[in-house]
Amino acid sequence: MAETGLFITFEGSEGCGKSTQIRRIAEKLRADGREVISLREPGGTPIGEQIRNLLQYDDDASAMTSEAELLLFAASRAQLVREVIRPALERGAVVLCDRFFDSTTVYQGVARALPAAEVAAINVFAVGSTLPDLTLLLDLDAAEGRLRASLRKGPVDRMEQEGGEFYEAVRRGYLELAQKNPSRFVVIDASPDESVVAASIEAAIMYRLKEVV
């Protein structure tokens, strides 16, 4: 657990509703008088946002290797941890992050089939001792998630162009991670109405906040 503050990460495949739920719980926590920092990965810093654009939308990214992709995610994360996350936790803020190293473990390690030990070593190098206190996995059927993602407005990023088999592997990878790390993960059923999902998330976070007060 962080000595001060609380670091909460949100994980899940495309279309599971992470962004919406982060906005909702951030508003709730701010209304309760807490400092809340909402972040996304890759991104969250000027350097990270440039990496995000390269990973998701740059025309040349179609030729990107899985190894290069892994290292770019790690580079964005390393900057975010040191520039934003650690200082925020040290002053007692609640940090909400849309994805963190579990995404790399699953997307690059499982779905891209990169060696697990090498992915883990790069994750550790990128974040050091800055680990989430709580990870909320918004679990959703892969086909339903892809359908929801397809209905969103805006450009389709590179990851969203992957096929169904890729996202089935992503879902399996996340559920296996949650099973291996029960003290950190809480699995949230993301299929019900948005307000129902929000209530489950709020309950999990409030329970964890009581432990650090």
N, C-alpha and C. Protein backbone atom coordinates (compact mmCIF):
# COMPACT_ATOMS: atom_id res chain seq x y z
N MET A 1 0.83 -1.20 0.00
CA MET A 1 0.00 0.00 0.00
C MET A 1 0.87 1.25 0.00
N ALA A 2 0.42 2.27 -0.68
CA ALA A 2 1.14 3.54 -0.64
C ALA A 2 1.09 4.12 0.76
N GLU A 3 2.21 4.73 1.21
CA GLU A 3 2.26 5.31 2.54
C GLU A 3 1.28 6.48 2.67
N THR A 4 1.11 7.21 1.60
CA THR A 4 0.11 8.28 1.55
C THR A 4 -0.60 8.17 0.23
N GLY A 5 -1.79 8.72 0.17
CA GLY A 5 -2.55 8.65 -1.07
C GLY A 5 -3.03 7.24 -1.35
N LEU A 6 -3.68 7.08 -2.50
CA LEU A 6 -4.18 5.78 -2.92
C LEU A 6 -4.07 5.72 -4.44
N PHE A 7 -3.47 4.64 -4.93
CA PHE A 7 -3.24 4.46 -6.36
C PHE A 7 -4.17 3.36 -6.87
N ILE A 8 -5.13 3.76 -7.71
CA ILE A 8 -6.14 2.83 -8.23
C ILE A 8 -6.03 2.77 -9.75
N THR A 9 -5.90 1.56 -10.27
CA THR A 9 -5.84 1.40 -11.72
C THR A 9 -7.11 0.70 -12.22
N PHE A 10 -7.48 1.04 -13.44
CA PHE A 10 -8.66 0.47 -14.10
C PHE A 10 -8.18 -0.30 -15.33
N GLU A 11 -8.57 -1.55 -15.41
CA GLU A 11 -8.15 -2.39 -16.53
C GLU A 11 -9.36 -3.02 -17.20
N GLY A 12 -9.14 -3.51 -18.41
CA GLY A 12 -10.20 -4.17 -19.15
C GLY A 12 -9.98 -3.99 -20.63
N SER A 13 -10.67 -4.77 -21.42
CA SER A 13 -10.53 -4.72 -22.86
C SER A 13 -11.28 -3.52 -23.44
N GLU A 14 -11.20 -3.37 -24.76
CA GLU A 14 -11.85 -2.24 -25.42
C GLU A 14 -13.36 -2.30 -25.19
N GLY A 15 -13.97 -1.12 -24.98
CA GLY A 15 -15.41 -1.03 -24.85
C GLY A 15 -15.98 -1.38 -23.50
N CYS A 16 -15.13 -1.60 -22.50
CA CYS A 16 -15.64 -2.02 -21.19
C CYS A 16 -16.14 -0.85 -20.34
N GLY A 17 -15.87 0.38 -20.75
CA GLY A 17 -16.41 1.54 -20.03
C GLY A 17 -15.49 2.16 -19.01
N LYS A 18 -14.20 1.91 -19.09
CA LYS A 18 -13.27 2.44 -18.09
C LYS A 18 -13.33 3.97 -17.99
N SER A 19 -13.25 4.63 -19.13
CA SER A 19 -13.20 6.10 -19.13
C SER A 19 -14.43 6.70 -18.46
N THR A 20 -15.59 6.18 -18.80
CA THR A 20 -16.84 6.68 -18.21
C THR A 20 -16.85 6.47 -16.71
N GLN A 21 -16.45 5.30 -16.27
CA GLN A 21 -16.48 5.00 -14.84
C GLN A 21 -15.43 5.78 -14.06
N ILE A 22 -14.30 6.05 -14.66
CA ILE A 22 -13.30 6.88 -13.99
C ILE A 22 -13.84 8.29 -13.78
N ARG A 23 -14.51 8.84 -14.78
CA ARG A 23 -15.10 10.18 -14.63
C ARG A 23 -16.12 10.19 -13.49
N ARG A 24 -16.93 9.17 -13.42
CA ARG A 24 -17.97 9.12 -12.39
C ARG A 24 -17.38 9.05 -10.98
N ILE A 25 -16.42 8.16 -10.79
CA ILE A 25 -15.89 8.00 -9.44
C ILE A 25 -15.01 9.19 -9.06
N ALA A 26 -14.36 9.82 -10.05
CA ALA A 26 -13.57 11.01 -9.76
C ALA A 26 -14.46 12.13 -9.23
N GLU A 27 -15.61 12.31 -9.86
CA GLU A 27 -16.55 13.33 -9.40
C GLU A 27 -17.02 13.04 -7.98
N LYS A 28 -17.30 11.80 -7.69
CA LYS A 28 -17.75 11.40 -6.36
C LYS A 28 -16.68 11.68 -5.31
N LEU A 29 -15.45 11.29 -5.59
CA LEU A 29 -14.36 11.48 -4.63
C LEU A 29 -14.05 12.96 -4.42
N ARG A 30 -14.11 13.73 -5.48
CA ARG A 30 -13.87 15.18 -5.34
C ARG A 30 -14.98 15.84 -4.51
N ALA A 31 -16.21 15.37 -4.71
CA ALA A 31 -17.32 15.90 -3.91
C ALA A 31 -17.14 15.57 -2.44
N ASP A 32 -16.42 14.50 -2.14
CA ASP A 32 -16.13 14.12 -0.76
C ASP A 32 -14.93 14.87 -0.20
N GLY A 33 -14.34 15.76 -1.01
CA GLY A 33 -13.25 16.60 -0.52
C GLY A 33 -11.86 16.05 -0.75
N ARG A 34 -11.73 15.03 -1.58
CA ARG A 34 -10.41 14.45 -1.85
C ARG A 34 -9.79 15.05 -3.10
N GLU A 35 -8.47 15.15 -3.08
CA GLU A 35 -7.75 15.50 -4.31
C GLU A 35 -7.69 14.25 -5.18
N VAL A 36 -8.12 14.39 -6.42
CA VAL A 36 -8.15 13.25 -7.34
C VAL A 36 -7.38 13.62 -8.61
N ILE A 37 -6.48 12.74 -9.01
CA ILE A 37 -5.74 12.89 -10.24
C ILE A 37 -6.17 11.77 -11.18
N SER A 38 -6.74 12.13 -12.33
CA SER A 38 -7.18 11.14 -13.32
C SER A 38 -6.18 11.11 -14.47
N LEU A 39 -5.69 9.92 -14.79
CA LEU A 39 -4.66 9.77 -15.81
C LEU A 39 -5.06 8.67 -16.79
N ARG A 40 -4.37 8.67 -17.93
CA ARG A 40 -4.58 7.59 -18.89
C ARG A 40 -3.23 7.11 -19.40
N GLU A 41 -3.23 5.84 -19.82
CA GLU A 41 -2.03 5.26 -20.40
C GLU A 41 -2.34 4.71 -21.79
N PRO A 42 -1.38 4.86 -22.70
CA PRO A 42 -0.21 5.73 -22.58
C PRO A 42 -0.64 7.19 -22.57
N GLY A 43 0.17 8.04 -21.99
CA GLY A 43 -0.16 9.45 -21.93
C GLY A 43 0.07 10.01 -20.54
N GLY A 44 -0.64 11.10 -20.23
CA GLY A 44 -0.58 11.69 -18.90
C GLY A 44 0.53 12.69 -18.68
N THR A 45 1.48 12.77 -19.61
CA THR A 45 2.55 13.76 -19.58
C THR A 45 2.75 14.22 -21.03
N PRO A 46 3.42 15.35 -21.25
CA PRO A 46 3.67 15.76 -22.63
C PRO A 46 4.40 14.68 -23.45
N ILE A 47 5.41 14.06 -22.83
CA ILE A 47 6.13 12.98 -23.53
C ILE A 47 5.20 11.80 -23.78
N GLY A 48 4.43 11.43 -22.77
CA GLY A 48 3.53 10.30 -22.90
C GLY A 48 2.46 10.50 -23.96
N GLU A 49 1.96 11.72 -24.08
CA GLU A 49 0.93 11.98 -25.08
C GLU A 49 1.48 11.86 -26.50
N GLN A 50 2.73 12.25 -26.68
CA GLN A 50 3.34 12.07 -28.00
C GLN A 50 3.53 10.58 -28.31
N ILE A 51 3.91 9.82 -27.30
CA ILE A 51 4.04 8.37 -27.48
C ILE A 51 2.67 7.76 -27.78
N ARG A 52 1.64 8.25 -27.10
CA ARG A 52 0.28 7.74 -27.34
C ARG A 52 -0.13 7.93 -28.80
N ASN A 53 0.14 9.11 -29.31
CA ASN A 53 -0.23 9.38 -30.70
C ASN A 53 0.53 8.47 -31.66
N LEU A 54 1.80 8.25 -31.37
CA LEU A 54 2.61 7.36 -32.21
C LEU A 54 2.06 5.94 -32.17
N LEU A 55 1.73 5.46 -30.97
CA LEU A 55 1.23 4.09 -30.82
C LEU A 55 -0.14 3.89 -31.46
N GLN A 56 -0.99 4.88 -31.37
CA GLN A 56 -2.38 4.67 -31.76
C GLN A 56 -2.74 5.17 -33.15
N TYR A 57 -2.17 6.28 -33.57
CA TYR A 57 -2.69 6.93 -34.77
C TYR A 57 -1.68 7.24 -35.86
N ASP A 58 -0.40 7.16 -35.58
CA ASP A 58 0.60 7.51 -36.58
C ASP A 58 0.55 6.52 -37.75
N ASP A 59 0.61 7.05 -38.96
CA ASP A 59 0.53 6.20 -40.15
C ASP A 59 1.66 5.18 -40.21
N ASP A 60 2.81 5.53 -39.68
CA ASP A 60 3.95 4.62 -39.74
C ASP A 60 3.86 3.49 -38.70
N ALA A 61 2.91 3.59 -37.77
CA ALA A 61 2.83 2.60 -36.70
C ALA A 61 2.38 1.23 -37.19
N SER A 62 1.86 1.16 -38.40
CA SER A 62 1.43 -0.14 -38.91
C SER A 62 2.59 -1.11 -39.05
N ALA A 63 3.80 -0.58 -39.15
CA ALA A 63 4.99 -1.42 -39.27
C ALA A 63 5.66 -1.70 -37.93
N MET A 64 5.05 -1.23 -36.84
CA MET A 64 5.67 -1.36 -35.53
C MET A 64 5.73 -2.83 -35.08
N THR A 65 6.88 -3.25 -34.59
CA THR A 65 7.02 -4.60 -34.07
C THR A 65 6.43 -4.68 -32.66
N SER A 66 6.13 -5.88 -32.21
CA SER A 66 5.60 -6.07 -30.86
C SER A 66 6.60 -5.63 -29.81
N GLU A 67 7.89 -5.85 -30.08
CA GLU A 67 8.93 -5.45 -29.12
C GLU A 67 9.00 -3.93 -28.99
N ALA A 68 8.92 -3.23 -30.12
CA ALA A 68 8.95 -1.77 -30.08
C ALA A 68 7.72 -1.24 -29.36
N GLU A 69 6.58 -1.85 -29.62
CA GLU A 69 5.34 -1.45 -28.95
C GLU A 69 5.48 -1.58 -27.43
N LEU A 70 6.01 -2.70 -26.99
CA LEU A 70 6.22 -2.93 -25.56
C LEU A 70 7.08 -1.84 -24.94
N LEU A 71 8.18 -1.51 -25.59
CA LEU A 71 9.11 -0.54 -25.03
C LEU A 71 8.54 0.87 -25.04
N LEU A 72 7.72 1.20 -26.03
CA LEU A 72 7.09 2.52 -26.04
C LEU A 72 6.08 2.67 -24.92
N PHE A 73 5.28 1.64 -24.67
CA PHE A 73 4.36 1.68 -23.53
C PHE A 73 5.15 1.86 -22.23
N ALA A 74 6.24 1.13 -22.09
CA ALA A 74 7.04 1.23 -20.87
C ALA A 74 7.66 2.61 -20.72
N ALA A 75 8.09 3.21 -21.81
CA ALA A 75 8.68 4.55 -21.76
C ALA A 75 7.67 5.57 -21.28
N SER A 76 6.45 5.52 -21.82
CA SER A 76 5.40 6.44 -21.39
C SER A 76 5.11 6.24 -19.90
N ARG A 77 5.06 5.01 -19.48
CA ARG A 77 4.74 4.69 -18.08
C ARG A 77 5.84 5.16 -17.13
N ALA A 78 7.08 4.96 -17.52
CA ALA A 78 8.20 5.39 -16.67
C ALA A 78 8.15 6.90 -16.43
N GLN A 79 7.84 7.66 -17.46
CA GLN A 79 7.73 9.11 -17.32
C GLN A 79 6.55 9.48 -16.44
N LEU A 80 5.41 8.82 -16.64
CA LEU A 80 4.21 9.13 -15.87
C LEU A 80 4.40 8.86 -14.39
N VAL A 81 5.04 7.76 -14.06
CA VAL A 81 5.26 7.40 -12.66
C VAL A 81 6.08 8.46 -11.95
N ARG A 82 7.16 8.89 -12.58
CA ARG A 82 8.08 9.80 -11.91
C ARG A 82 7.65 11.25 -11.97
N GLU A 83 6.98 11.63 -13.04
CA GLU A 83 6.58 13.03 -13.19
C GLU A 83 5.26 13.34 -12.48
N VAL A 84 4.34 12.37 -12.44
CA VAL A 84 3.00 12.66 -11.94
C VAL A 84 2.57 11.77 -10.78
N ILE A 85 2.65 10.45 -10.94
CA ILE A 85 2.03 9.55 -9.97
C ILE A 85 2.70 9.63 -8.60
N ARG A 86 4.01 9.48 -8.55
CA ARG A 86 4.68 9.50 -7.24
C ARG A 86 4.47 10.82 -6.50
N PRO A 87 4.67 11.99 -7.15
CA PRO A 87 4.41 13.24 -6.42
C PRO A 87 2.98 13.35 -5.91
N ALA A 88 2.00 12.88 -6.70
CA ALA A 88 0.60 12.96 -6.27
C ALA A 88 0.34 12.08 -5.05
N LEU A 89 0.89 10.88 -5.05
CA LEU A 89 0.70 9.99 -3.91
C LEU A 89 1.38 10.54 -2.66
N GLU A 90 2.53 11.15 -2.83
CA GLU A 90 3.26 11.70 -1.70
C GLU A 90 2.51 12.83 -1.01
N ARG A 91 1.68 13.54 -1.76
CA ARG A 91 0.91 14.62 -1.12
C ARG A 91 -0.49 14.16 -0.71
N GLY A 92 -0.77 12.86 -0.85
CA GLY A 92 -2.01 12.30 -0.33
C GLY A 92 -3.17 12.22 -1.30
N ALA A 93 -2.92 12.39 -2.58
CA ALA A 93 -3.99 12.36 -3.57
C ALA A 93 -4.44 10.92 -3.87
N VAL A 94 -5.66 10.82 -4.39
CA VAL A 94 -6.13 9.57 -4.96
C VAL A 94 -5.83 9.64 -6.46
N VAL A 95 -5.05 8.68 -6.94
CA VAL A 95 -4.68 8.63 -8.36
C VAL A 95 -5.48 7.54 -9.04
N LEU A 96 -6.24 7.93 -10.07
CA LEU A 96 -7.03 7.00 -10.87
C LEU A 96 -6.37 6.90 -12.24
N CYS A 97 -5.97 5.71 -12.64
CA CYS A 97 -5.25 5.56 -13.90
C CYS A 97 -5.95 4.57 -14.81
N ASP A 98 -6.28 5.04 -16.00
CA ASP A 98 -6.90 4.23 -17.04
C ASP A 98 -5.79 3.42 -17.71
N ARG A 99 -5.57 2.21 -17.22
CA ARG A 99 -4.53 1.26 -17.61
C ARG A 99 -3.22 1.54 -16.87
N PHE A 100 -2.47 0.45 -16.65
CA PHE A 100 -1.13 0.54 -16.08
C PHE A 100 -0.39 -0.70 -16.55
N PHE A 101 0.54 -1.22 -15.77
CA PHE A 101 1.38 -2.30 -16.30
C PHE A 101 0.65 -3.61 -16.57
N ASP A 102 -0.52 -3.81 -15.95
CA ASP A 102 -1.27 -5.03 -16.24
C ASP A 102 -1.69 -5.07 -17.71
N SER A 103 -1.94 -3.92 -18.29
CA SER A 103 -2.27 -3.87 -19.71
C SER A 103 -1.12 -4.41 -20.55
N THR A 104 0.10 -4.04 -20.19
CA THR A 104 1.26 -4.53 -20.92
C THR A 104 1.42 -6.04 -20.74
N THR A 105 1.23 -6.50 -19.51
CA THR A 105 1.31 -7.94 -19.26
C THR A 105 0.35 -8.71 -20.15
N VAL A 106 -0.86 -8.17 -20.32
CA VAL A 106 -1.90 -8.88 -21.07
C VAL A 106 -1.80 -8.63 -22.58
N TYR A 107 -1.75 -7.37 -22.98
CA TYR A 107 -1.77 -7.07 -24.41
C TYR A 107 -0.49 -7.51 -25.12
N GLN A 108 0.66 -7.15 -24.54
CA GLN A 108 1.91 -7.52 -25.19
C GLN A 108 2.40 -8.92 -24.77
N GLY A 109 2.24 -9.25 -23.49
CA GLY A 109 2.74 -10.53 -23.01
C GLY A 109 1.88 -11.71 -23.40
N VAL A 110 0.55 -11.55 -23.31
CA VAL A 110 -0.37 -12.65 -23.62
C VAL A 110 -0.84 -12.57 -25.08
N ALA A 111 -1.52 -11.49 -25.44
CA ALA A 111 -2.10 -11.41 -26.78
C ALA A 111 -1.05 -11.31 -27.88
N ARG A 112 0.06 -10.61 -27.62
CA ARG A 112 1.15 -10.53 -28.61
C ARG A 112 2.15 -11.67 -28.45
N ALA A 113 2.01 -12.45 -27.39
CA ALA A 113 2.84 -13.64 -27.15
C ALA A 113 4.32 -13.32 -26.98
N LEU A 114 4.65 -12.17 -26.40
CA LEU A 114 6.04 -11.89 -26.04
C LEU A 114 6.39 -12.65 -24.77
N PRO A 115 7.67 -12.98 -24.56
CA PRO A 115 8.06 -13.78 -23.39
C PRO A 115 7.65 -13.11 -22.08
N ALA A 116 6.94 -13.85 -21.24
CA ALA A 116 6.38 -13.29 -20.01
C ALA A 116 7.46 -12.73 -19.09
N ALA A 117 8.58 -13.44 -18.97
CA ALA A 117 9.64 -12.99 -18.06
C ALA A 117 10.24 -11.67 -18.52
N GLU A 118 10.38 -11.50 -19.82
CA GLU A 118 10.95 -10.25 -20.34
C GLU A 118 9.97 -9.10 -20.18
N VAL A 119 8.70 -9.36 -20.42
CA VAL A 119 7.68 -8.32 -20.21
C VAL A 119 7.66 -7.90 -18.74
N ALA A 120 7.70 -8.87 -17.84
CA ALA A 120 7.68 -8.57 -16.40
C ALA A 120 8.90 -7.73 -16.00
N ALA A 121 10.07 -8.07 -16.54
CA ALA A 121 11.28 -7.32 -16.19
C ALA A 121 11.20 -5.88 -16.67
N ILE A 122 10.66 -5.66 -17.86
CA ILE A 122 10.51 -4.31 -18.38
C ILE A 122 9.48 -3.53 -17.57
N ASN A 123 8.41 -4.19 -17.16
CA ASN A 123 7.41 -3.54 -16.31
C ASN A 123 8.04 -3.08 -15.00
N VAL A 124 8.82 -3.93 -14.37
CA VAL A 124 9.45 -3.59 -13.10
C VAL A 124 10.42 -2.42 -13.28
N PHE A 125 11.20 -2.45 -14.35
CA PHE A 125 12.14 -1.36 -14.61
C PHE A 125 11.40 -0.05 -14.79
N ALA A 126 10.25 -0.08 -15.46
CA ALA A 126 9.51 1.15 -15.75
C ALA A 126 8.89 1.77 -14.50
N VAL A 127 8.34 0.95 -13.60
CA VAL A 127 7.58 1.51 -12.48
C VAL A 127 8.31 1.47 -11.15
N GLY A 128 9.36 0.66 -11.03
CA GLY A 128 10.06 0.55 -9.76
C GLY A 128 9.14 0.04 -8.66
N SER A 129 9.08 0.76 -7.56
CA SER A 129 8.26 0.34 -6.42
C SER A 129 6.85 0.93 -6.45
N THR A 130 6.50 1.66 -7.51
CA THR A 130 5.19 2.31 -7.58
C THR A 130 4.17 1.34 -8.15
N LEU A 131 3.45 0.67 -7.25
CA LEU A 131 2.49 -0.36 -7.62
C LEU A 131 1.08 0.08 -7.23
N PRO A 132 0.07 -0.37 -7.96
CA PRO A 132 -1.30 -0.01 -7.59
C PRO A 132 -1.69 -0.60 -6.24
N ASP A 133 -2.46 0.16 -5.48
CA ASP A 133 -3.05 -0.36 -4.25
C ASP A 133 -4.29 -1.19 -4.57
N LEU A 134 -4.95 -0.84 -5.64
CA LEU A 134 -6.19 -1.51 -6.04
C LEU A 134 -6.30 -1.47 -7.56
N THR A 135 -6.64 -2.62 -8.15
CA THR A 135 -6.88 -2.69 -9.59
C THR A 135 -8.29 -3.20 -9.83
N LEU A 136 -9.08 -2.39 -10.53
CA LEU A 136 -10.45 -2.75 -10.86
C LEU A 136 -10.48 -3.25 -12.29
N LEU A 137 -10.81 -4.52 -12.46
CA LEU A 137 -10.90 -5.12 -13.79
C LEU A 137 -12.36 -5.11 -14.24
N LEU A 138 -12.66 -4.31 -15.24
CA LEU A 138 -14.01 -4.25 -15.79
C LEU A 138 -14.13 -5.35 -16.84
N ASP A 139 -14.75 -6.43 -16.44
CA ASP A 139 -14.80 -7.63 -17.28
C ASP A 139 -16.04 -7.62 -18.16
N LEU A 140 -15.83 -7.89 -19.45
CA LEU A 140 -16.92 -7.87 -20.41
C LEU A 140 -16.63 -8.88 -21.51
N ASP A 141 -17.67 -9.55 -21.99
CA ASP A 141 -17.52 -10.45 -23.12
C ASP A 141 -16.80 -9.73 -24.25
N ALA A 142 -15.82 -10.41 -24.84
CA ALA A 142 -14.98 -9.76 -25.84
C ALA A 142 -15.77 -9.24 -27.04
N ALA A 143 -16.73 -10.02 -27.51
CA ALA A 143 -17.53 -9.60 -28.65
C ALA A 143 -18.38 -8.37 -28.31
N GLU A 144 -18.95 -8.36 -27.12
CA GLU A 144 -19.74 -7.20 -26.69
C GLU A 144 -18.87 -5.96 -26.57
N GLY A 145 -17.65 -6.13 -26.04
CA GLY A 145 -16.74 -5.01 -25.92
C GLY A 145 -16.36 -4.42 -27.27
N ARG A 146 -16.12 -5.29 -28.24
CA ARG A 146 -15.77 -4.80 -29.58
C ARG A 146 -16.95 -4.07 -30.21
N LEU A 147 -18.17 -4.57 -29.97
CA LEU A 147 -19.36 -3.90 -30.49
C LEU A 147 -19.50 -2.52 -29.89
N ARG A 148 -19.35 -2.42 -28.57
CA ARG A 148 -19.45 -1.11 -27.92
C ARG A 148 -18.38 -0.16 -28.45
N ALA A 149 -17.16 -0.66 -28.60
CA ALA A 149 -16.07 0.19 -29.07
C ALA A 149 -16.35 0.69 -30.48
N SER A 150 -16.98 -0.13 -31.30
CA SER A 150 -17.27 0.25 -32.69
C SER A 150 -18.29 1.37 -32.77
N LEU A 151 -19.08 1.55 -31.72
CA LEU A 151 -20.12 2.58 -31.72
C LEU A 151 -19.62 3.94 -31.23
N ARG A 152 -18.39 3.97 -30.71
CA ARG A 152 -17.85 5.23 -30.23
C ARG A 152 -17.51 6.15 -31.39
N LYS A 153 -17.64 7.45 -31.13
CA LYS A 153 -17.28 8.44 -32.13
C LYS A 153 -15.77 8.65 -32.12
N GLY A 154 -15.25 9.14 -33.24
CA GLY A 154 -13.83 9.44 -33.31
C GLY A 154 -13.08 8.39 -34.10
N PRO A 155 -11.78 8.65 -34.33
CA PRO A 155 -10.97 7.72 -35.14
C PRO A 155 -10.75 6.40 -34.40
N VAL A 156 -10.59 5.35 -35.18
CA VAL A 156 -10.31 4.02 -34.63
C VAL A 156 -8.81 3.89 -34.46
N ASP A 157 -8.36 3.56 -33.23
CA ASP A 157 -6.92 3.45 -33.03
C ASP A 157 -6.41 2.08 -33.46
N ARG A 158 -5.10 1.94 -33.45
CA ARG A 158 -4.45 0.73 -33.97
C ARG A 158 -4.86 -0.53 -33.22
N MET A 159 -5.00 -0.42 -31.90
CA MET A 159 -5.38 -1.58 -31.09
C MET A 159 -6.80 -2.04 -31.40
N GLU A 160 -7.68 -1.08 -31.64
CA GLU A 160 -9.08 -1.41 -31.89
C GLU A 160 -9.27 -2.14 -33.21
N GLN A 161 -8.25 -2.17 -34.05
CA GLN A 161 -8.34 -2.85 -35.33
C GLN A 161 -7.99 -4.33 -35.24
N GLU A 162 -7.57 -4.78 -34.05
CA GLU A 162 -7.25 -6.19 -33.87
C GLU A 162 -8.52 -7.04 -33.96
N GLY A 163 -8.35 -8.33 -34.24
CA GLY A 163 -9.47 -9.23 -34.44
C GLY A 163 -10.01 -9.84 -33.16
N GLY A 164 -11.06 -10.64 -33.32
CA GLY A 164 -11.73 -11.24 -32.17
C GLY A 164 -10.85 -12.16 -31.36
N GLU A 165 -9.99 -12.93 -32.03
CA GLU A 165 -9.11 -13.86 -31.31
C GLU A 165 -8.17 -13.11 -30.38
N PHE A 166 -7.68 -11.98 -30.84
CA PHE A 166 -6.79 -11.14 -30.02
C PHE A 166 -7.50 -10.73 -28.73
N TYR A 167 -8.73 -10.28 -28.85
CA TYR A 167 -9.44 -9.79 -27.67
C TYR A 167 -9.96 -10.89 -26.77
N GLU A 168 -10.17 -12.07 -27.32
CA GLU A 168 -10.47 -13.22 -26.46
C GLU A 168 -9.25 -13.53 -25.59
N ALA A 169 -8.06 -13.44 -26.19
CA ALA A 169 -6.83 -13.67 -25.43
C ALA A 169 -6.63 -12.61 -24.37
N VAL A 170 -6.97 -11.36 -24.70
CA VAL A 170 -6.86 -10.26 -23.73
C VAL A 170 -7.75 -10.54 -22.52
N ARG A 171 -8.99 -10.93 -22.78
CA ARG A 171 -9.92 -11.18 -21.66
C ARG A 171 -9.41 -12.33 -20.79
N ARG A 172 -8.99 -13.42 -21.42
CA ARG A 172 -8.47 -14.55 -20.65
C ARG A 172 -7.27 -14.14 -19.82
N GLY A 173 -6.39 -13.35 -20.43
CA GLY A 173 -5.20 -12.91 -19.72
C GLY A 173 -5.52 -12.08 -18.50
N TYR A 174 -6.48 -11.19 -18.63
CA TYR A 174 -6.88 -10.36 -17.48
C TYR A 174 -7.47 -11.21 -16.36
N LEU A 175 -8.35 -12.12 -16.70
CA LEU A 175 -8.99 -12.95 -15.67
C LEU A 175 -7.97 -13.84 -14.96
N GLU A 176 -6.98 -14.33 -15.70
CA GLU A 176 -5.92 -15.11 -15.07
C GLU A 176 -5.09 -14.25 -14.12
N LEU A 177 -4.80 -13.02 -14.53
CA LEU A 177 -4.05 -12.10 -13.66
C LEU A 177 -4.82 -11.83 -12.38
N ALA A 178 -6.11 -11.59 -12.51
CA ALA A 178 -6.94 -11.31 -11.33
C ALA A 178 -6.96 -12.50 -10.38
N GLN A 179 -7.01 -13.69 -10.94
CA GLN A 179 -7.01 -14.89 -10.11
C GLN A 179 -5.70 -15.06 -9.36
N LYS A 180 -4.59 -14.66 -10.00
CA LYS A 180 -3.27 -14.79 -9.38
C LYS A 180 -2.99 -13.69 -8.35
N ASN A 181 -3.73 -12.58 -8.42
CA ASN A 181 -3.48 -11.43 -7.54
C ASN A 181 -4.77 -10.98 -6.85
N PRO A 182 -5.38 -11.86 -6.06
CA PRO A 182 -6.69 -11.53 -5.48
C PRO A 182 -6.66 -10.40 -4.46
N SER A 183 -5.52 -10.13 -3.85
CA SER A 183 -5.47 -9.06 -2.86
C SER A 183 -5.47 -7.68 -3.51
N ARG A 184 -5.10 -7.62 -4.78
CA ARG A 184 -5.05 -6.33 -5.48
C ARG A 184 -6.22 -6.14 -6.44
N PHE A 185 -6.64 -7.19 -7.09
CA PHE A 185 -7.68 -7.10 -8.10
C PHE A 185 -9.08 -7.23 -7.52
N VAL A 186 -10.00 -6.45 -8.05
CA VAL A 186 -11.43 -6.67 -7.86
C VAL A 186 -12.04 -6.74 -9.26
N VAL A 187 -12.70 -7.85 -9.56
CA VAL A 187 -13.32 -8.01 -10.87
C VAL A 187 -14.74 -7.45 -10.83
N ILE A 188 -15.01 -6.53 -11.73
CA ILE A 188 -16.31 -5.87 -11.82
C ILE A 188 -17.01 -6.32 -13.10
N ASP A 189 -18.22 -6.83 -12.98
CA ASP A 189 -19.00 -7.19 -14.15
C ASP A 189 -19.40 -5.91 -14.88
N ALA A 190 -18.88 -5.72 -16.10
CA ALA A 190 -19.12 -4.48 -16.84
C ALA A 190 -20.31 -4.58 -17.78
N SER A 191 -21.07 -5.67 -17.71
CA SER A 191 -22.19 -5.85 -18.65
C SER A 191 -23.48 -5.13 -18.23
N PRO A 192 -23.76 -4.90 -16.93
CA PRO A 192 -25.01 -4.23 -16.57
C PRO A 192 -25.03 -2.75 -16.95
N ASP A 193 -26.11 -2.09 -16.56
CA ASP A 193 -26.26 -0.66 -16.77
C ASP A 193 -25.10 0.10 -16.12
N GLU A 194 -24.75 1.24 -16.72
CA GLU A 194 -23.64 2.07 -16.25
C GLU A 194 -23.72 2.39 -14.77
N SER A 195 -24.92 2.69 -14.26
CA SER A 195 -25.07 3.06 -12.86
C SER A 195 -24.84 1.86 -11.94
N VAL A 196 -25.18 0.68 -12.39
CA VAL A 196 -24.94 -0.53 -11.60
C VAL A 196 -23.44 -0.79 -11.49
N VAL A 197 -22.74 -0.66 -12.61
CA VAL A 197 -21.29 -0.83 -12.60
C VAL A 197 -20.65 0.22 -11.70
N ALA A 198 -21.12 1.46 -11.77
CA ALA A 198 -20.58 2.54 -10.95
C ALA A 198 -20.74 2.24 -9.46
N ALA A 199 -21.87 1.68 -9.08
CA ALA A 199 -22.10 1.35 -7.67
C ALA A 199 -21.12 0.29 -7.18
N SER A 200 -20.82 -0.69 -8.02
CA SER A 200 -19.86 -1.73 -7.65
C SER A 200 -18.46 -1.16 -7.49
N ILE A 201 -18.10 -0.26 -8.39
CA ILE A 201 -16.79 0.38 -8.32
C ILE A 201 -16.67 1.25 -7.08
N GLU A 202 -17.69 2.03 -6.80
CA GLU A 202 -17.67 2.88 -5.61
C GLU A 202 -17.53 2.06 -4.34
N ALA A 203 -18.24 0.95 -4.25
CA ALA A 203 -18.17 0.10 -3.07
C ALA A 203 -16.76 -0.44 -2.87
N ALA A 204 -16.12 -0.88 -3.96
CA ALA A 204 -14.77 -1.43 -3.86
C ALA A 204 -13.77 -0.38 -3.43
N ILE A 205 -13.90 0.84 -3.97
CA ILE A 205 -12.96 1.91 -3.62
C ILE A 205 -13.17 2.40 -2.20
N MET A 206 -14.42 2.57 -1.79
CA MET A 206 -14.67 3.04 -0.43
C MET A 206 -14.17 2.04 0.60
N TYR A 207 -14.29 0.77 0.30
CA TYR A 207 -13.78 -0.26 1.21
C TYR A 207 -12.26 -0.14 1.34
N ARG A 208 -11.58 0.08 0.21
CA ARG A 208 -10.13 0.20 0.27
C ARG A 208 -9.68 1.49 0.93
N LEU A 209 -10.43 2.57 0.74
CA LEU A 209 -10.08 3.84 1.39
C LEU A 209 -10.15 3.72 2.91
N LYS A 210 -11.09 2.95 3.42
CA LYS A 210 -11.18 2.77 4.86
C LYS A 210 -9.93 2.11 5.43
N GLU A 211 -9.27 1.29 4.62
CA GLU A 211 -8.09 0.58 5.09
C GLU A 211 -6.85 1.48 5.20
N VAL A 212 -6.88 2.63 4.50
CA VAL A 212 -5.70 3.48 4.50
C VAL A 212 -5.89 4.76 5.29
N VAL A 213 -7.10 4.97 5.82
CA VAL A 213 -7.35 6.18 6.61
C VAL A 213 -6.60 6.07 7.94
